[in-house]
């Protein structure tokens, strides 16, 4: 499952192409509705925390996330360091 997640998000970039789908939770598996994820429909506040020296996720690949959502209540914080430094905070 993780391998498919990595391929879909990192290699195919399906989330930003609006081609990533989730299944709506239903009691019976066969009745699940498949729904596309549309970033422009996100209505919750977004906080995008970036590590400027992160070697796991490139900072420049994290920046488009804030630009891709329609909500105006969004903020990007750039820490000087890596994800590990942010984790320790």
PDB file of N, CA and C in Angstrom:
ATOM      1  N   UNK A   1       0.820  -1.180   0.000  1.00  0.00           N
ATOM      2  CA  UNK A   1       0.000   0.000   0.000  1.00  0.00           C
ATOM      3  C   UNK A   1       0.876   1.262   0.000  1.00  0.00           C
ATOM      4  N   UNK A   2       1.959   1.277   0.814  1.00  0.00           N
ATOM      5  CA  UNK A   2       2.833   2.443   0.847  1.00  0.00           C
ATOM      6  C   UNK A   2       3.514   2.657  -0.498  1.00  0.00           C
ATOM      7  N   UNK A   3       3.907   1.577  -1.139  1.00  0.00           N
ATOM      8  CA  UNK A   3       4.572   1.699  -2.443  1.00  0.00           C
ATOM      9  C   UNK A   3       3.629   2.346  -3.444  1.00  0.00           C
ATOM     10  N   UNK A   4       2.371   1.920  -3.451  1.00  0.00           N
ATOM     11  CA  UNK A   4       1.390   2.511  -4.367  1.00  0.00           C
ATOM     12  C   UNK A   4       1.168   3.989  -4.041  1.00  0.00           C
ATOM     13  N   UNK A   5       1.114   4.317  -2.744  1.00  0.00           N
ATOM     14  CA  UNK A   5       0.968   5.695  -2.293  1.00  0.00           C
ATOM     15  C   UNK A   5       2.124   6.551  -2.814  1.00  0.00           C
ATOM     16  N   UNK A   6       3.344   6.053  -2.674  1.00  0.00           N
ATOM     17  CA  UNK A   6       4.527   6.790  -3.134  1.00  0.00           C
ATOM     18  C   UNK A   6       4.513   6.973  -4.651  1.00  0.00           C
ATOM     19  N   UNK A   7       4.149   5.945  -5.365  1.00  0.00           N
ATOM     20  CA  UNK A   7       4.087   6.036  -6.831  1.00  0.00           C
ATOM     21  C   UNK A   7       3.037   7.054  -7.248  1.00  0.00           C
ATOM     22  N   UNK A   8       1.843   6.970  -6.663  1.00  0.00           N
ATOM     23  CA  UNK A   8       0.749   7.873  -7.041  1.00  0.00           C
ATOM     24  C   UNK A   8       1.044   9.329  -6.710  1.00  0.00           C
ATOM     25  N   UNK A   9       1.627   9.576  -5.540  1.00  0.00           N
ATOM     26  CA  UNK A   9       1.861  10.965  -5.117  1.00  0.00           C
ATOM     27  C   UNK A   9       3.165  11.545  -5.639  1.00  0.00           C
ATOM     28  N   UNK A  10       4.239  10.787  -5.574  1.00  0.00           N
ATOM     29  CA  UNK A  10       5.547  11.341  -5.904  1.00  0.00           C
ATOM     30  C   UNK A  10       5.941  11.160  -7.370  1.00  0.00           C
ATOM     31  N   UNK A  11       5.644  10.022  -7.943  1.00  0.00           N
ATOM     32  CA  UNK A  11       6.046   9.795  -9.324  1.00  0.00           C
ATOM     33  C   UNK A  11       4.994  10.275 -10.322  1.00  0.00           C
ATOM     34  N   UNK A  12       3.742   9.939 -10.062  1.00  0.00           N
ATOM     35  CA  UNK A  12       2.675  10.301 -11.001  1.00  0.00           C
ATOM     36  C   UNK A  12       2.044  11.658 -10.701  1.00  0.00           C
ATOM     37  N   UNK A  13       2.272  12.188  -9.484  1.00  0.00           N
ATOM     38  CA  UNK A  13       1.748  13.494  -9.081  1.00  0.00           C
ATOM     39  C   UNK A  13       0.222  13.579  -9.239  1.00  0.00           C
ATOM     40  N   UNK A  14      -0.474  12.507  -8.902  1.00  0.00           N
ATOM     41  CA  UNK A  14      -1.917  12.425  -9.126  1.00  0.00           C
ATOM     42  C   UNK A  14      -2.729  13.423  -8.299  1.00  0.00           C
ATOM     43  N   UNK A  15      -2.248  13.774  -7.114  1.00  0.00           N
ATOM     44  CA  UNK A  15      -2.993  14.717  -6.280  1.00  0.00           C
ATOM     45  C   UNK A  15      -3.125  16.078  -6.962  1.00  0.00           C
ATOM     46  N   UNK A  16      -2.056  16.589  -7.525  1.00  0.00           N
ATOM     47  CA  UNK A  16      -2.089  17.898  -8.171  1.00  0.00           C
ATOM     48  C   UNK A  16      -2.740  17.866  -9.544  1.00  0.00           C
ATOM     49  N   UNK A  17      -2.883  16.691 -10.107  1.00  0.00           N
ATOM     50  CA  UNK A  17      -3.590  16.541 -11.383  1.00  0.00           C
ATOM     51  C   UNK A  17      -5.079  16.282 -11.178  1.00  0.00           C
ATOM     52  N   UNK A  18      -5.530  16.251  -9.913  1.00  0.00           N
ATOM     53  CA  UNK A  18      -6.908  15.895  -9.552  1.00  0.00           C
ATOM     54  C   UNK A  18      -7.283  14.505 -10.070  1.00  0.00           C
ATOM     55  N   UNK A  19      -6.323  13.592 -10.036  1.00  0.00           N
ATOM     56  CA  UNK A  19      -6.548  12.227 -10.489  1.00  0.00           C
ATOM     57  C   UNK A  19      -6.368  11.208  -9.366  1.00  0.00           C
ATOM     58  N   UNK A  20      -6.277  11.690  -8.120  1.00  0.00           N
ATOM     59  CA  UNK A  20      -6.170  10.805  -6.969  1.00  0.00           C
ATOM     60  C   UNK A  20      -7.567  10.629  -6.388  1.00  0.00           C
ATOM     61  N   UNK A  21      -7.942   9.414  -6.076  1.00  0.00           N
ATOM     62  CA  UNK A  21      -9.296   9.117  -5.623  1.00  0.00           C
ATOM     63  C   UNK A  21      -9.291   8.505  -4.230  1.00  0.00           C
ATOM     64  N   UNK A  22     -10.377   8.728  -3.513  1.00  0.00           N
ATOM     65  CA  UNK A  22     -10.596   8.073  -2.231  1.00  0.00           C
ATOM     66  C   UNK A  22     -11.954   7.394  -2.289  1.00  0.00           C
ATOM     67  N   UNK A  23     -12.138   6.421  -1.432  1.00  0.00           N
ATOM     68  CA  UNK A  23     -13.425   5.726  -1.372  1.00  0.00           C
ATOM     69  C   UNK A  23     -14.232   6.294  -0.216  1.00  0.00           C
ATOM     70  N   UNK A  24     -15.460   6.670  -0.499  1.00  0.00           N
ATOM     71  CA  UNK A  24     -16.350   7.154   0.548  1.00  0.00           C
ATOM     72  C   UNK A  24     -16.717   5.974   1.427  1.00  0.00           C
ATOM     73  N   UNK A  25     -16.595   6.146   2.731  1.00  0.00           N
ATOM     74  CA  UNK A  25     -16.815   5.049   3.665  1.00  0.00           C
ATOM     75  C   UNK A  25     -18.298   4.674   3.706  1.00  0.00           C
ATOM     76  N   UNK A  26     -18.564   3.451   3.422  1.00  0.00           N
ATOM     77  CA  UNK A  26     -19.927   2.900   3.471  1.00  0.00           C
ATOM     78  C   UNK A  26     -19.868   1.608   4.280  1.00  0.00           C
ATOM     79  N   UNK A  27     -21.005   1.159   4.745  1.00  0.00           N
ATOM     80  CA  UNK A  27     -21.047  -0.069   5.546  1.00  0.00           C
ATOM     81  C   UNK A  27     -20.680  -1.301   4.727  1.00  0.00           C
ATOM     82  N   UNK A  28     -21.092  -1.329   3.495  1.00  0.00           N
ATOM     83  CA  UNK A  28     -20.814  -2.471   2.630  1.00  0.00           C
ATOM     84  C   UNK A  28     -19.755  -2.066   1.614  1.00  0.00           C
ATOM     85  N   UNK A  29     -18.669  -2.798   1.568  1.00  0.00           N
ATOM     86  CA  UNK A  29     -17.536  -2.460   0.713  1.00  0.00           C
ATOM     87  C   UNK A  29     -17.938  -2.308  -0.756  1.00  0.00           C
ATOM     88  N   UNK A  30     -18.831  -3.149  -1.230  1.00  0.00           N
ATOM     89  CA  UNK A  30     -19.228  -3.120  -2.634  1.00  0.00           C
ATOM     90  C   UNK A  30     -20.016  -1.853  -2.997  1.00  0.00           C
ATOM     91  N   UNK A  31     -20.531  -1.140  -1.994  1.00  0.00           N
ATOM     92  CA  UNK A  31     -21.326   0.056  -2.255  1.00  0.00           C
ATOM     93  C   UNK A  31     -20.509   1.341  -2.143  1.00  0.00           C
ATOM     94  N   UNK A  32     -19.213   1.237  -1.956  1.00  0.00           N
ATOM     95  CA  UNK A  32     -18.385   2.431  -1.797  1.00  0.00           C
ATOM     96  C   UNK A  32     -18.358   3.256  -3.076  1.00  0.00           C
ATOM     97  N   UNK A  33     -18.462   4.554  -2.885  1.00  0.00           N
ATOM     98  CA  UNK A  33     -18.396   5.495  -3.994  1.00  0.00           C
ATOM     99  C   UNK A  33     -16.962   6.008  -4.092  1.00  0.00           C
ATOM    100  N   UNK A  34     -16.413   6.026  -5.289  1.00  0.00           N
ATOM    101  CA  UNK A  34     -15.061   6.520  -5.505  1.00  0.00           C
ATOM    102  C   UNK A  34     -15.149   8.013  -5.828  1.00  0.00           C
ATOM    103  N   UNK A  35     -14.413   8.822  -5.041  1.00  0.00           N
ATOM    104  CA  UNK A  35     -14.500  10.270  -5.159  1.00  0.00           C
ATOM    105  C   UNK A  35     -13.124  10.843  -5.499  1.00  0.00           C
ATOM    106  N   UNK A  36     -13.040  11.710  -6.518  1.00  0.00           N
ATOM    107  CA  UNK A  36     -11.749  12.349  -6.817  1.00  0.00           C
ATOM    108  C   UNK A  36     -11.431  13.420  -5.773  1.00  0.00           C
ATOM    109  N   UNK A  37     -10.159  13.570  -5.451  1.00  0.00           N
ATOM    110  CA  UNK A  37      -9.728  14.626  -4.535  1.00  0.00           C
ATOM    111  C   UNK A  37      -9.458  15.874  -5.365  1.00  0.00           C
ATOM    112  N   UNK A  38     -10.168  16.949  -5.059  1.00  0.00           N
ATOM    113  CA  UNK A  38      -9.999  18.215  -5.767  1.00  0.00           C
ATOM    114  C   UNK A  38      -9.463  19.242  -4.778  1.00  0.00           C
ATOM    115  N   UNK A  39      -8.210  19.632  -4.940  1.00  0.00           N
ATOM    116  CA  UNK A  39      -7.577  20.551  -3.999  1.00  0.00           C
ATOM    117  C   UNK A  39      -8.298  21.901  -3.935  1.00  0.00           C
ATOM    118  N   UNK A  40      -8.929  22.307  -5.007  1.00  0.00           N
ATOM    119  CA  UNK A  40      -9.645  23.596  -5.034  1.00  0.00           C
ATOM    120  C   UNK A  40     -10.892  23.574  -4.154  1.00  0.00           C
ATOM    121  N   UNK A  41     -11.315  22.406  -3.713  1.00  0.00           N
ATOM    122  CA  UNK A  41     -12.505  22.297  -2.867  1.00  0.00           C
ATOM    123  C   UNK A  41     -12.167  22.181  -1.375  1.00  0.00           C
ATOM    124  N   UNK A  42     -10.898  22.264  -1.033  1.00  0.00           N
ATOM    125  CA  UNK A  42     -10.508  22.175   0.372  1.00  0.00           C
ATOM    126  C   UNK A  42     -10.953  23.449   1.085  1.00  0.00           C
ATOM    127  N   UNK A  43     -11.685  23.280   2.187  1.00  0.00           N
ATOM    128  CA  UNK A  43     -12.259  24.438   2.877  1.00  0.00           C
ATOM    129  C   UNK A  43     -11.763  24.573   4.312  1.00  0.00           C
ATOM    130  N   UNK A  44     -10.751  23.826   4.673  1.00  0.00           N
ATOM    131  CA  UNK A  44     -10.184  23.932   6.022  1.00  0.00           C
ATOM    132  C   UNK A  44      -8.878  24.729   5.937  1.00  0.00           C
ATOM    133  N   UNK A  45      -8.495  25.421   7.010  1.00  0.00           N
ATOM    134  CA  UNK A  45      -7.226  26.159   6.995  1.00  0.00           C
ATOM    135  C   UNK A  45      -6.038  25.222   6.755  1.00  0.00           C
ATOM    136  N   UNK A  46      -5.035  25.730   6.068  1.00  0.00           N
ATOM    137  CA  UNK A  46      -3.864  24.940   5.701  1.00  0.00           C
ATOM    138  C   UNK A  46      -2.614  25.557   6.317  1.00  0.00           C
ATOM    139  N   UNK A  47      -1.801  24.733   6.984  1.00  0.00           N
ATOM    140  CA  UNK A  47      -0.491  25.148   7.473  1.00  0.00           C
ATOM    141  C   UNK A  47       0.542  24.242   6.815  1.00  0.00           C
ATOM    142  N   UNK A  48       1.373  24.815   5.980  1.00  0.00           N
ATOM    143  CA  UNK A  48       2.393  24.079   5.242  1.00  0.00           C
ATOM    144  C   UNK A  48       3.744  24.400   5.875  1.00  0.00           C
ATOM    145  N   UNK A  49       4.350  23.431   6.558  1.00  0.00           N
ATOM    146  CA  UNK A  49       5.635  23.641   7.228  1.00  0.00           C
ATOM    147  C   UNK A  49       6.723  22.984   6.390  1.00  0.00           C
ATOM    148  N   UNK A  50       7.707  23.782   6.026  1.00  0.00           N
ATOM    149  CA  UNK A  50       8.762  23.335   5.118  1.00  0.00           C
ATOM    150  C   UNK A  50      10.108  23.442   5.812  1.00  0.00           C
ATOM    151  N   UNK A  51      10.948  22.433   5.650  1.00  0.00           N
ATOM    152  CA  UNK A  51      12.331  22.478   6.115  1.00  0.00           C
ATOM    153  C   UNK A  51      13.218  22.845   4.943  1.00  0.00           C
ATOM    154  N   UNK A  52      13.838  24.017   4.997  1.00  0.00           N
ATOM    155  CA  UNK A  52      14.600  24.514   3.852  1.00  0.00           C
ATOM    156  C   UNK A  52      15.790  23.627   3.473  1.00  0.00           C
ATOM    157  N   UNK A  53      16.242  22.798   4.399  1.00  0.00           N
ATOM    158  CA  UNK A  53      17.358  21.889   4.104  1.00  0.00           C
ATOM    159  C   UNK A  53      16.926  20.433   4.182  1.00  0.00           C
ATOM    160  N   UNK A  54      15.649  20.212   3.997  1.00  0.00           N
ATOM    161  CA  UNK A  54      15.097  18.861   4.087  1.00  0.00           C
ATOM    162  C   UNK A  54      15.574  18.022   2.911  1.00  0.00           C
ATOM    163  N   UNK A  55      16.084  16.837   3.187  1.00  0.00           N
ATOM    164  CA  UNK A  55      16.518  15.948   2.116  1.00  0.00           C
ATOM    165  C   UNK A  55      15.493  14.855   1.827  1.00  0.00           C
ATOM    166  N   UNK A  56      14.424  14.809   2.605  1.00  0.00           N
ATOM    167  CA  UNK A  56      13.367  13.825   2.379  1.00  0.00           C
ATOM    168  C   UNK A  56      12.327  14.361   1.393  1.00  0.00           C
ATOM    169  N   UNK A  57      11.870  15.576   1.637  1.00  0.00           N
ATOM    170  CA  UNK A  57      10.922  16.246   0.731  1.00  0.00           C
ATOM    171  C   UNK A  57      11.532  17.589   0.366  1.00  0.00           C
ATOM    172  N   UNK A  58      11.805  17.777  -0.892  1.00  0.00           N
ATOM    173  CA  UNK A  58      12.402  19.021  -1.366  1.00  0.00           C
ATOM    174  C   UNK A  58      11.497  20.211  -1.061  1.00  0.00           C
ATOM    175  N   UNK A  59      12.044  21.295  -0.523  1.00  0.00           N
ATOM    176  CA  UNK A  59      11.219  22.466  -0.225  1.00  0.00           C
ATOM    177  C   UNK A  59      10.460  22.993  -1.448  1.00  0.00           C
ATOM    178  N   UNK A  60      11.093  22.974  -2.613  1.00  0.00           N
ATOM    179  CA  UNK A  60      10.408  23.492  -3.802  1.00  0.00           C
ATOM    180  C   UNK A  60       9.240  22.592  -4.227  1.00  0.00           C
ATOM    181  N   UNK A  61       9.255  21.335  -3.824  1.00  0.00           N
ATOM    182  CA  UNK A  61       8.124  20.469  -4.152  1.00  0.00           C
ATOM    183  C   UNK A  61       6.982  20.635  -3.160  1.00  0.00           C
ATOM    184  N   UNK A  62       7.257  21.258  -2.005  1.00  0.00           N
ATOM    185  CA  UNK A  62       6.217  21.494  -1.004  1.00  0.00           C
ATOM    186  C   UNK A  62       5.474  22.807  -1.222  1.00  0.00           C
ATOM    187  N   UNK A  63       6.105  23.764  -1.849  1.00  0.00           N
ATOM    188  CA  UNK A  63       5.501  25.085  -2.027  1.00  0.00           C
ATOM    189  C   UNK A  63       4.206  25.091  -2.842  1.00  0.00           C
ATOM    190  N   UNK A  64       4.079  24.319  -3.911  1.00  0.00           N
ATOM    191  CA  UNK A  64       2.833  24.359  -4.699  1.00  0.00           C
ATOM    192  C   UNK A  64       1.591  23.923  -3.927  1.00  0.00           C
ATOM    193  N   UNK A  65       1.762  23.241  -2.808  1.00  0.00           N
ATOM    194  CA  UNK A  65       0.608  22.797  -2.031  1.00  0.00           C
ATOM    195  C   UNK A  65      -0.265  23.977  -1.621  1.00  0.00           C
ATOM    196  N   UNK A  66       0.325  25.006  -1.084  1.00  0.00           N
ATOM    197  CA  UNK A  66      -0.448  26.175  -0.659  1.00  0.00           C
ATOM    198  C   UNK A  66      -1.095  26.894  -1.843  1.00  0.00           C
ATOM    199  N   UNK A  67      -0.426  26.903  -2.967  1.00  0.00           N
ATOM    200  CA  UNK A  67      -0.968  27.581  -4.151  1.00  0.00           C
ATOM    201  C   UNK A  67      -2.108  26.803  -4.788  1.00  0.00           C
ATOM    202  N   UNK A  68      -2.202  25.517  -4.505  1.00  0.00           N
ATOM    203  CA  UNK A  68      -3.185  24.664  -5.175  1.00  0.00           C
ATOM    204  C   UNK A  68      -4.543  24.606  -4.486  1.00  0.00           C
ATOM    205  N   UNK A  69      -4.627  25.122  -3.274  1.00  0.00           N
ATOM    206  CA  UNK A  69      -5.910  25.094  -2.563  1.00  0.00           C
ATOM    207  C   UNK A  69      -6.574  26.460  -2.675  1.00  0.00           C
ATOM    208  N   UNK A  70      -7.900  26.468  -2.682  1.00  0.00           N
ATOM    209  CA  UNK A  70      -8.644  27.710  -2.874  1.00  0.00           C
ATOM    210  C   UNK A  70      -8.814  28.510  -1.588  1.00  0.00           C
ATOM    211  N   UNK A  71      -8.706  27.863  -0.452  1.00  0.00           N
ATOM    212  CA  UNK A  71      -8.934  28.536   0.826  1.00  0.00           C
ATOM    213  C   UNK A  71      -7.931  29.674   1.004  1.00  0.00           C
ATOM    214  N   UNK A  72      -8.396  30.791   1.543  1.00  0.00           N
ATOM    215  CA  UNK A  72      -7.521  31.939   1.755  1.00  0.00           C
ATOM    216  C   UNK A  72      -6.800  31.866   3.094  1.00  0.00           C
ATOM    217  N   UNK A  73      -7.317  31.061   4.014  1.00  0.00           N
ATOM    218  CA  UNK A  73      -6.713  30.912   5.335  1.00  0.00           C
ATOM    219  C   UNK A  73      -5.618  29.852   5.252  1.00  0.00           C
ATOM    220  N   UNK A  74      -4.458  30.258   4.738  1.00  0.00           N
ATOM    221  CA  UNK A  74      -3.343  29.329   4.568  1.00  0.00           C
ATOM    222  C   UNK A  74      -2.040  30.055   4.876  1.00  0.00           C
ATOM    223  N   UNK A  75      -1.077  29.296   5.366  1.00  0.00           N
ATOM    224  CA  UNK A  75       0.205  29.877   5.735  1.00  0.00           C
ATOM    225  C   UNK A  75       1.305  28.857   5.480  1.00  0.00           C
ATOM    226  N   UNK A  76       2.439  29.350   5.016  1.00  0.00           N
ATOM    227  CA  UNK A  76       3.615  28.510   4.829  1.00  0.00           C
ATOM    228  C   UNK A  76       4.704  29.012   5.763  1.00  0.00           C
ATOM    229  N   UNK A  77       5.267  28.106   6.545  1.00  0.00           N
ATOM    230  CA  UNK A  77       6.367  28.431   7.449  1.00  0.00           C
ATOM    231  C   UNK A  77       7.589  27.667   6.970  1.00  0.00           C
ATOM    232  N   UNK A  78       8.679  28.386   6.782  1.00  0.00           N
ATOM    233  CA  UNK A  78       9.927  27.791   6.319  1.00  0.00           C
ATOM    234  C   UNK A  78      10.922  27.756   7.478  1.00  0.00           C
ATOM    235  N   UNK A  79      11.216  26.553   7.969  1.00  0.00           N
ATOM    236  CA  UNK A  79      12.221  26.379   9.008  1.00  0.00           C
ATOM    237  C   UNK A  79      13.578  26.167   8.352  1.00  0.00           C
ATOM    238  N   UNK A  80      14.614  26.733   8.944  1.00  0.00           N
ATOM    239  CA  UNK A  80      15.962  26.478   8.455  1.00  0.00           C
ATOM    240  C   UNK A  80      16.402  25.166   9.088  1.00  0.00           C
ATOM    241  N   UNK A  81      16.440  24.142   8.297  1.00  0.00           N
ATOM    242  CA  UNK A  81      16.806  22.822   8.803  1.00  0.00           C
ATOM    243  C   UNK A  81      16.085  21.731   8.037  1.00  0.00           C
ATOM    244  N   UNK A  82      15.983  20.571   8.668  1.00  0.00           N
ATOM    245  CA  UNK A  82      15.373  19.406   8.046  1.00  0.00           C
ATOM    246  C   UNK A  82      14.101  19.021   8.793  1.00  0.00           C
ATOM    247  N   UNK A  83      13.422  18.017   8.291  1.00  0.00           N
ATOM    248  CA  UNK A  83      12.208  17.539   8.947  1.00  0.00           C
ATOM    249  C   UNK A  83      12.509  17.068  10.368  1.00  0.00           C
ATOM    250  N   UNK A  84      13.701  16.561  10.604  1.00  0.00           N
ATOM    251  CA  UNK A  84      14.044  16.032  11.919  1.00  0.00           C
ATOM    252  C   UNK A  84      14.091  17.142  12.965  1.00  0.00           C
ATOM    253  N   UNK A  85      14.592  18.305  12.600  1.00  0.00           N
ATOM    254  CA  UNK A  85      14.624  19.447  13.526  1.00  0.00           C
ATOM    255  C   UNK A  85      13.200  19.885  13.870  1.00  0.00           C
ATOM    256  N   UNK A  86      12.319  19.924  12.887  1.00  0.00           N
ATOM    257  CA  UNK A  86      10.923  20.306  13.140  1.00  0.00           C
ATOM    258  C   UNK A  86      10.245  19.283  14.029  1.00  0.00           C
ATOM    259  N   UNK A  87      10.571  18.014  13.842  1.00  0.00           N
ATOM    260  CA  UNK A  87       9.974  16.943  14.645  1.00  0.00           C
ATOM    261  C   UNK A  87      10.336  17.103  16.111  1.00  0.00           C
ATOM    262  N   UNK A  88      11.544  17.526  16.390  1.00  0.00           N
ATOM    263  CA  UNK A  88      12.018  17.683  17.758  1.00  0.00           C
ATOM    264  C   UNK A  88      11.364  18.854  18.474  1.00  0.00           C
ATOM    265  N   UNK A  89      10.859  19.844  17.716  1.00  0.00           N
ATOM    266  CA  UNK A  89      10.230  21.014  18.341  1.00  0.00           C
ATOM    267  C   UNK A  89       8.977  20.580  18.986  1.00  0.00           C
TER     268      UNK A  89
END
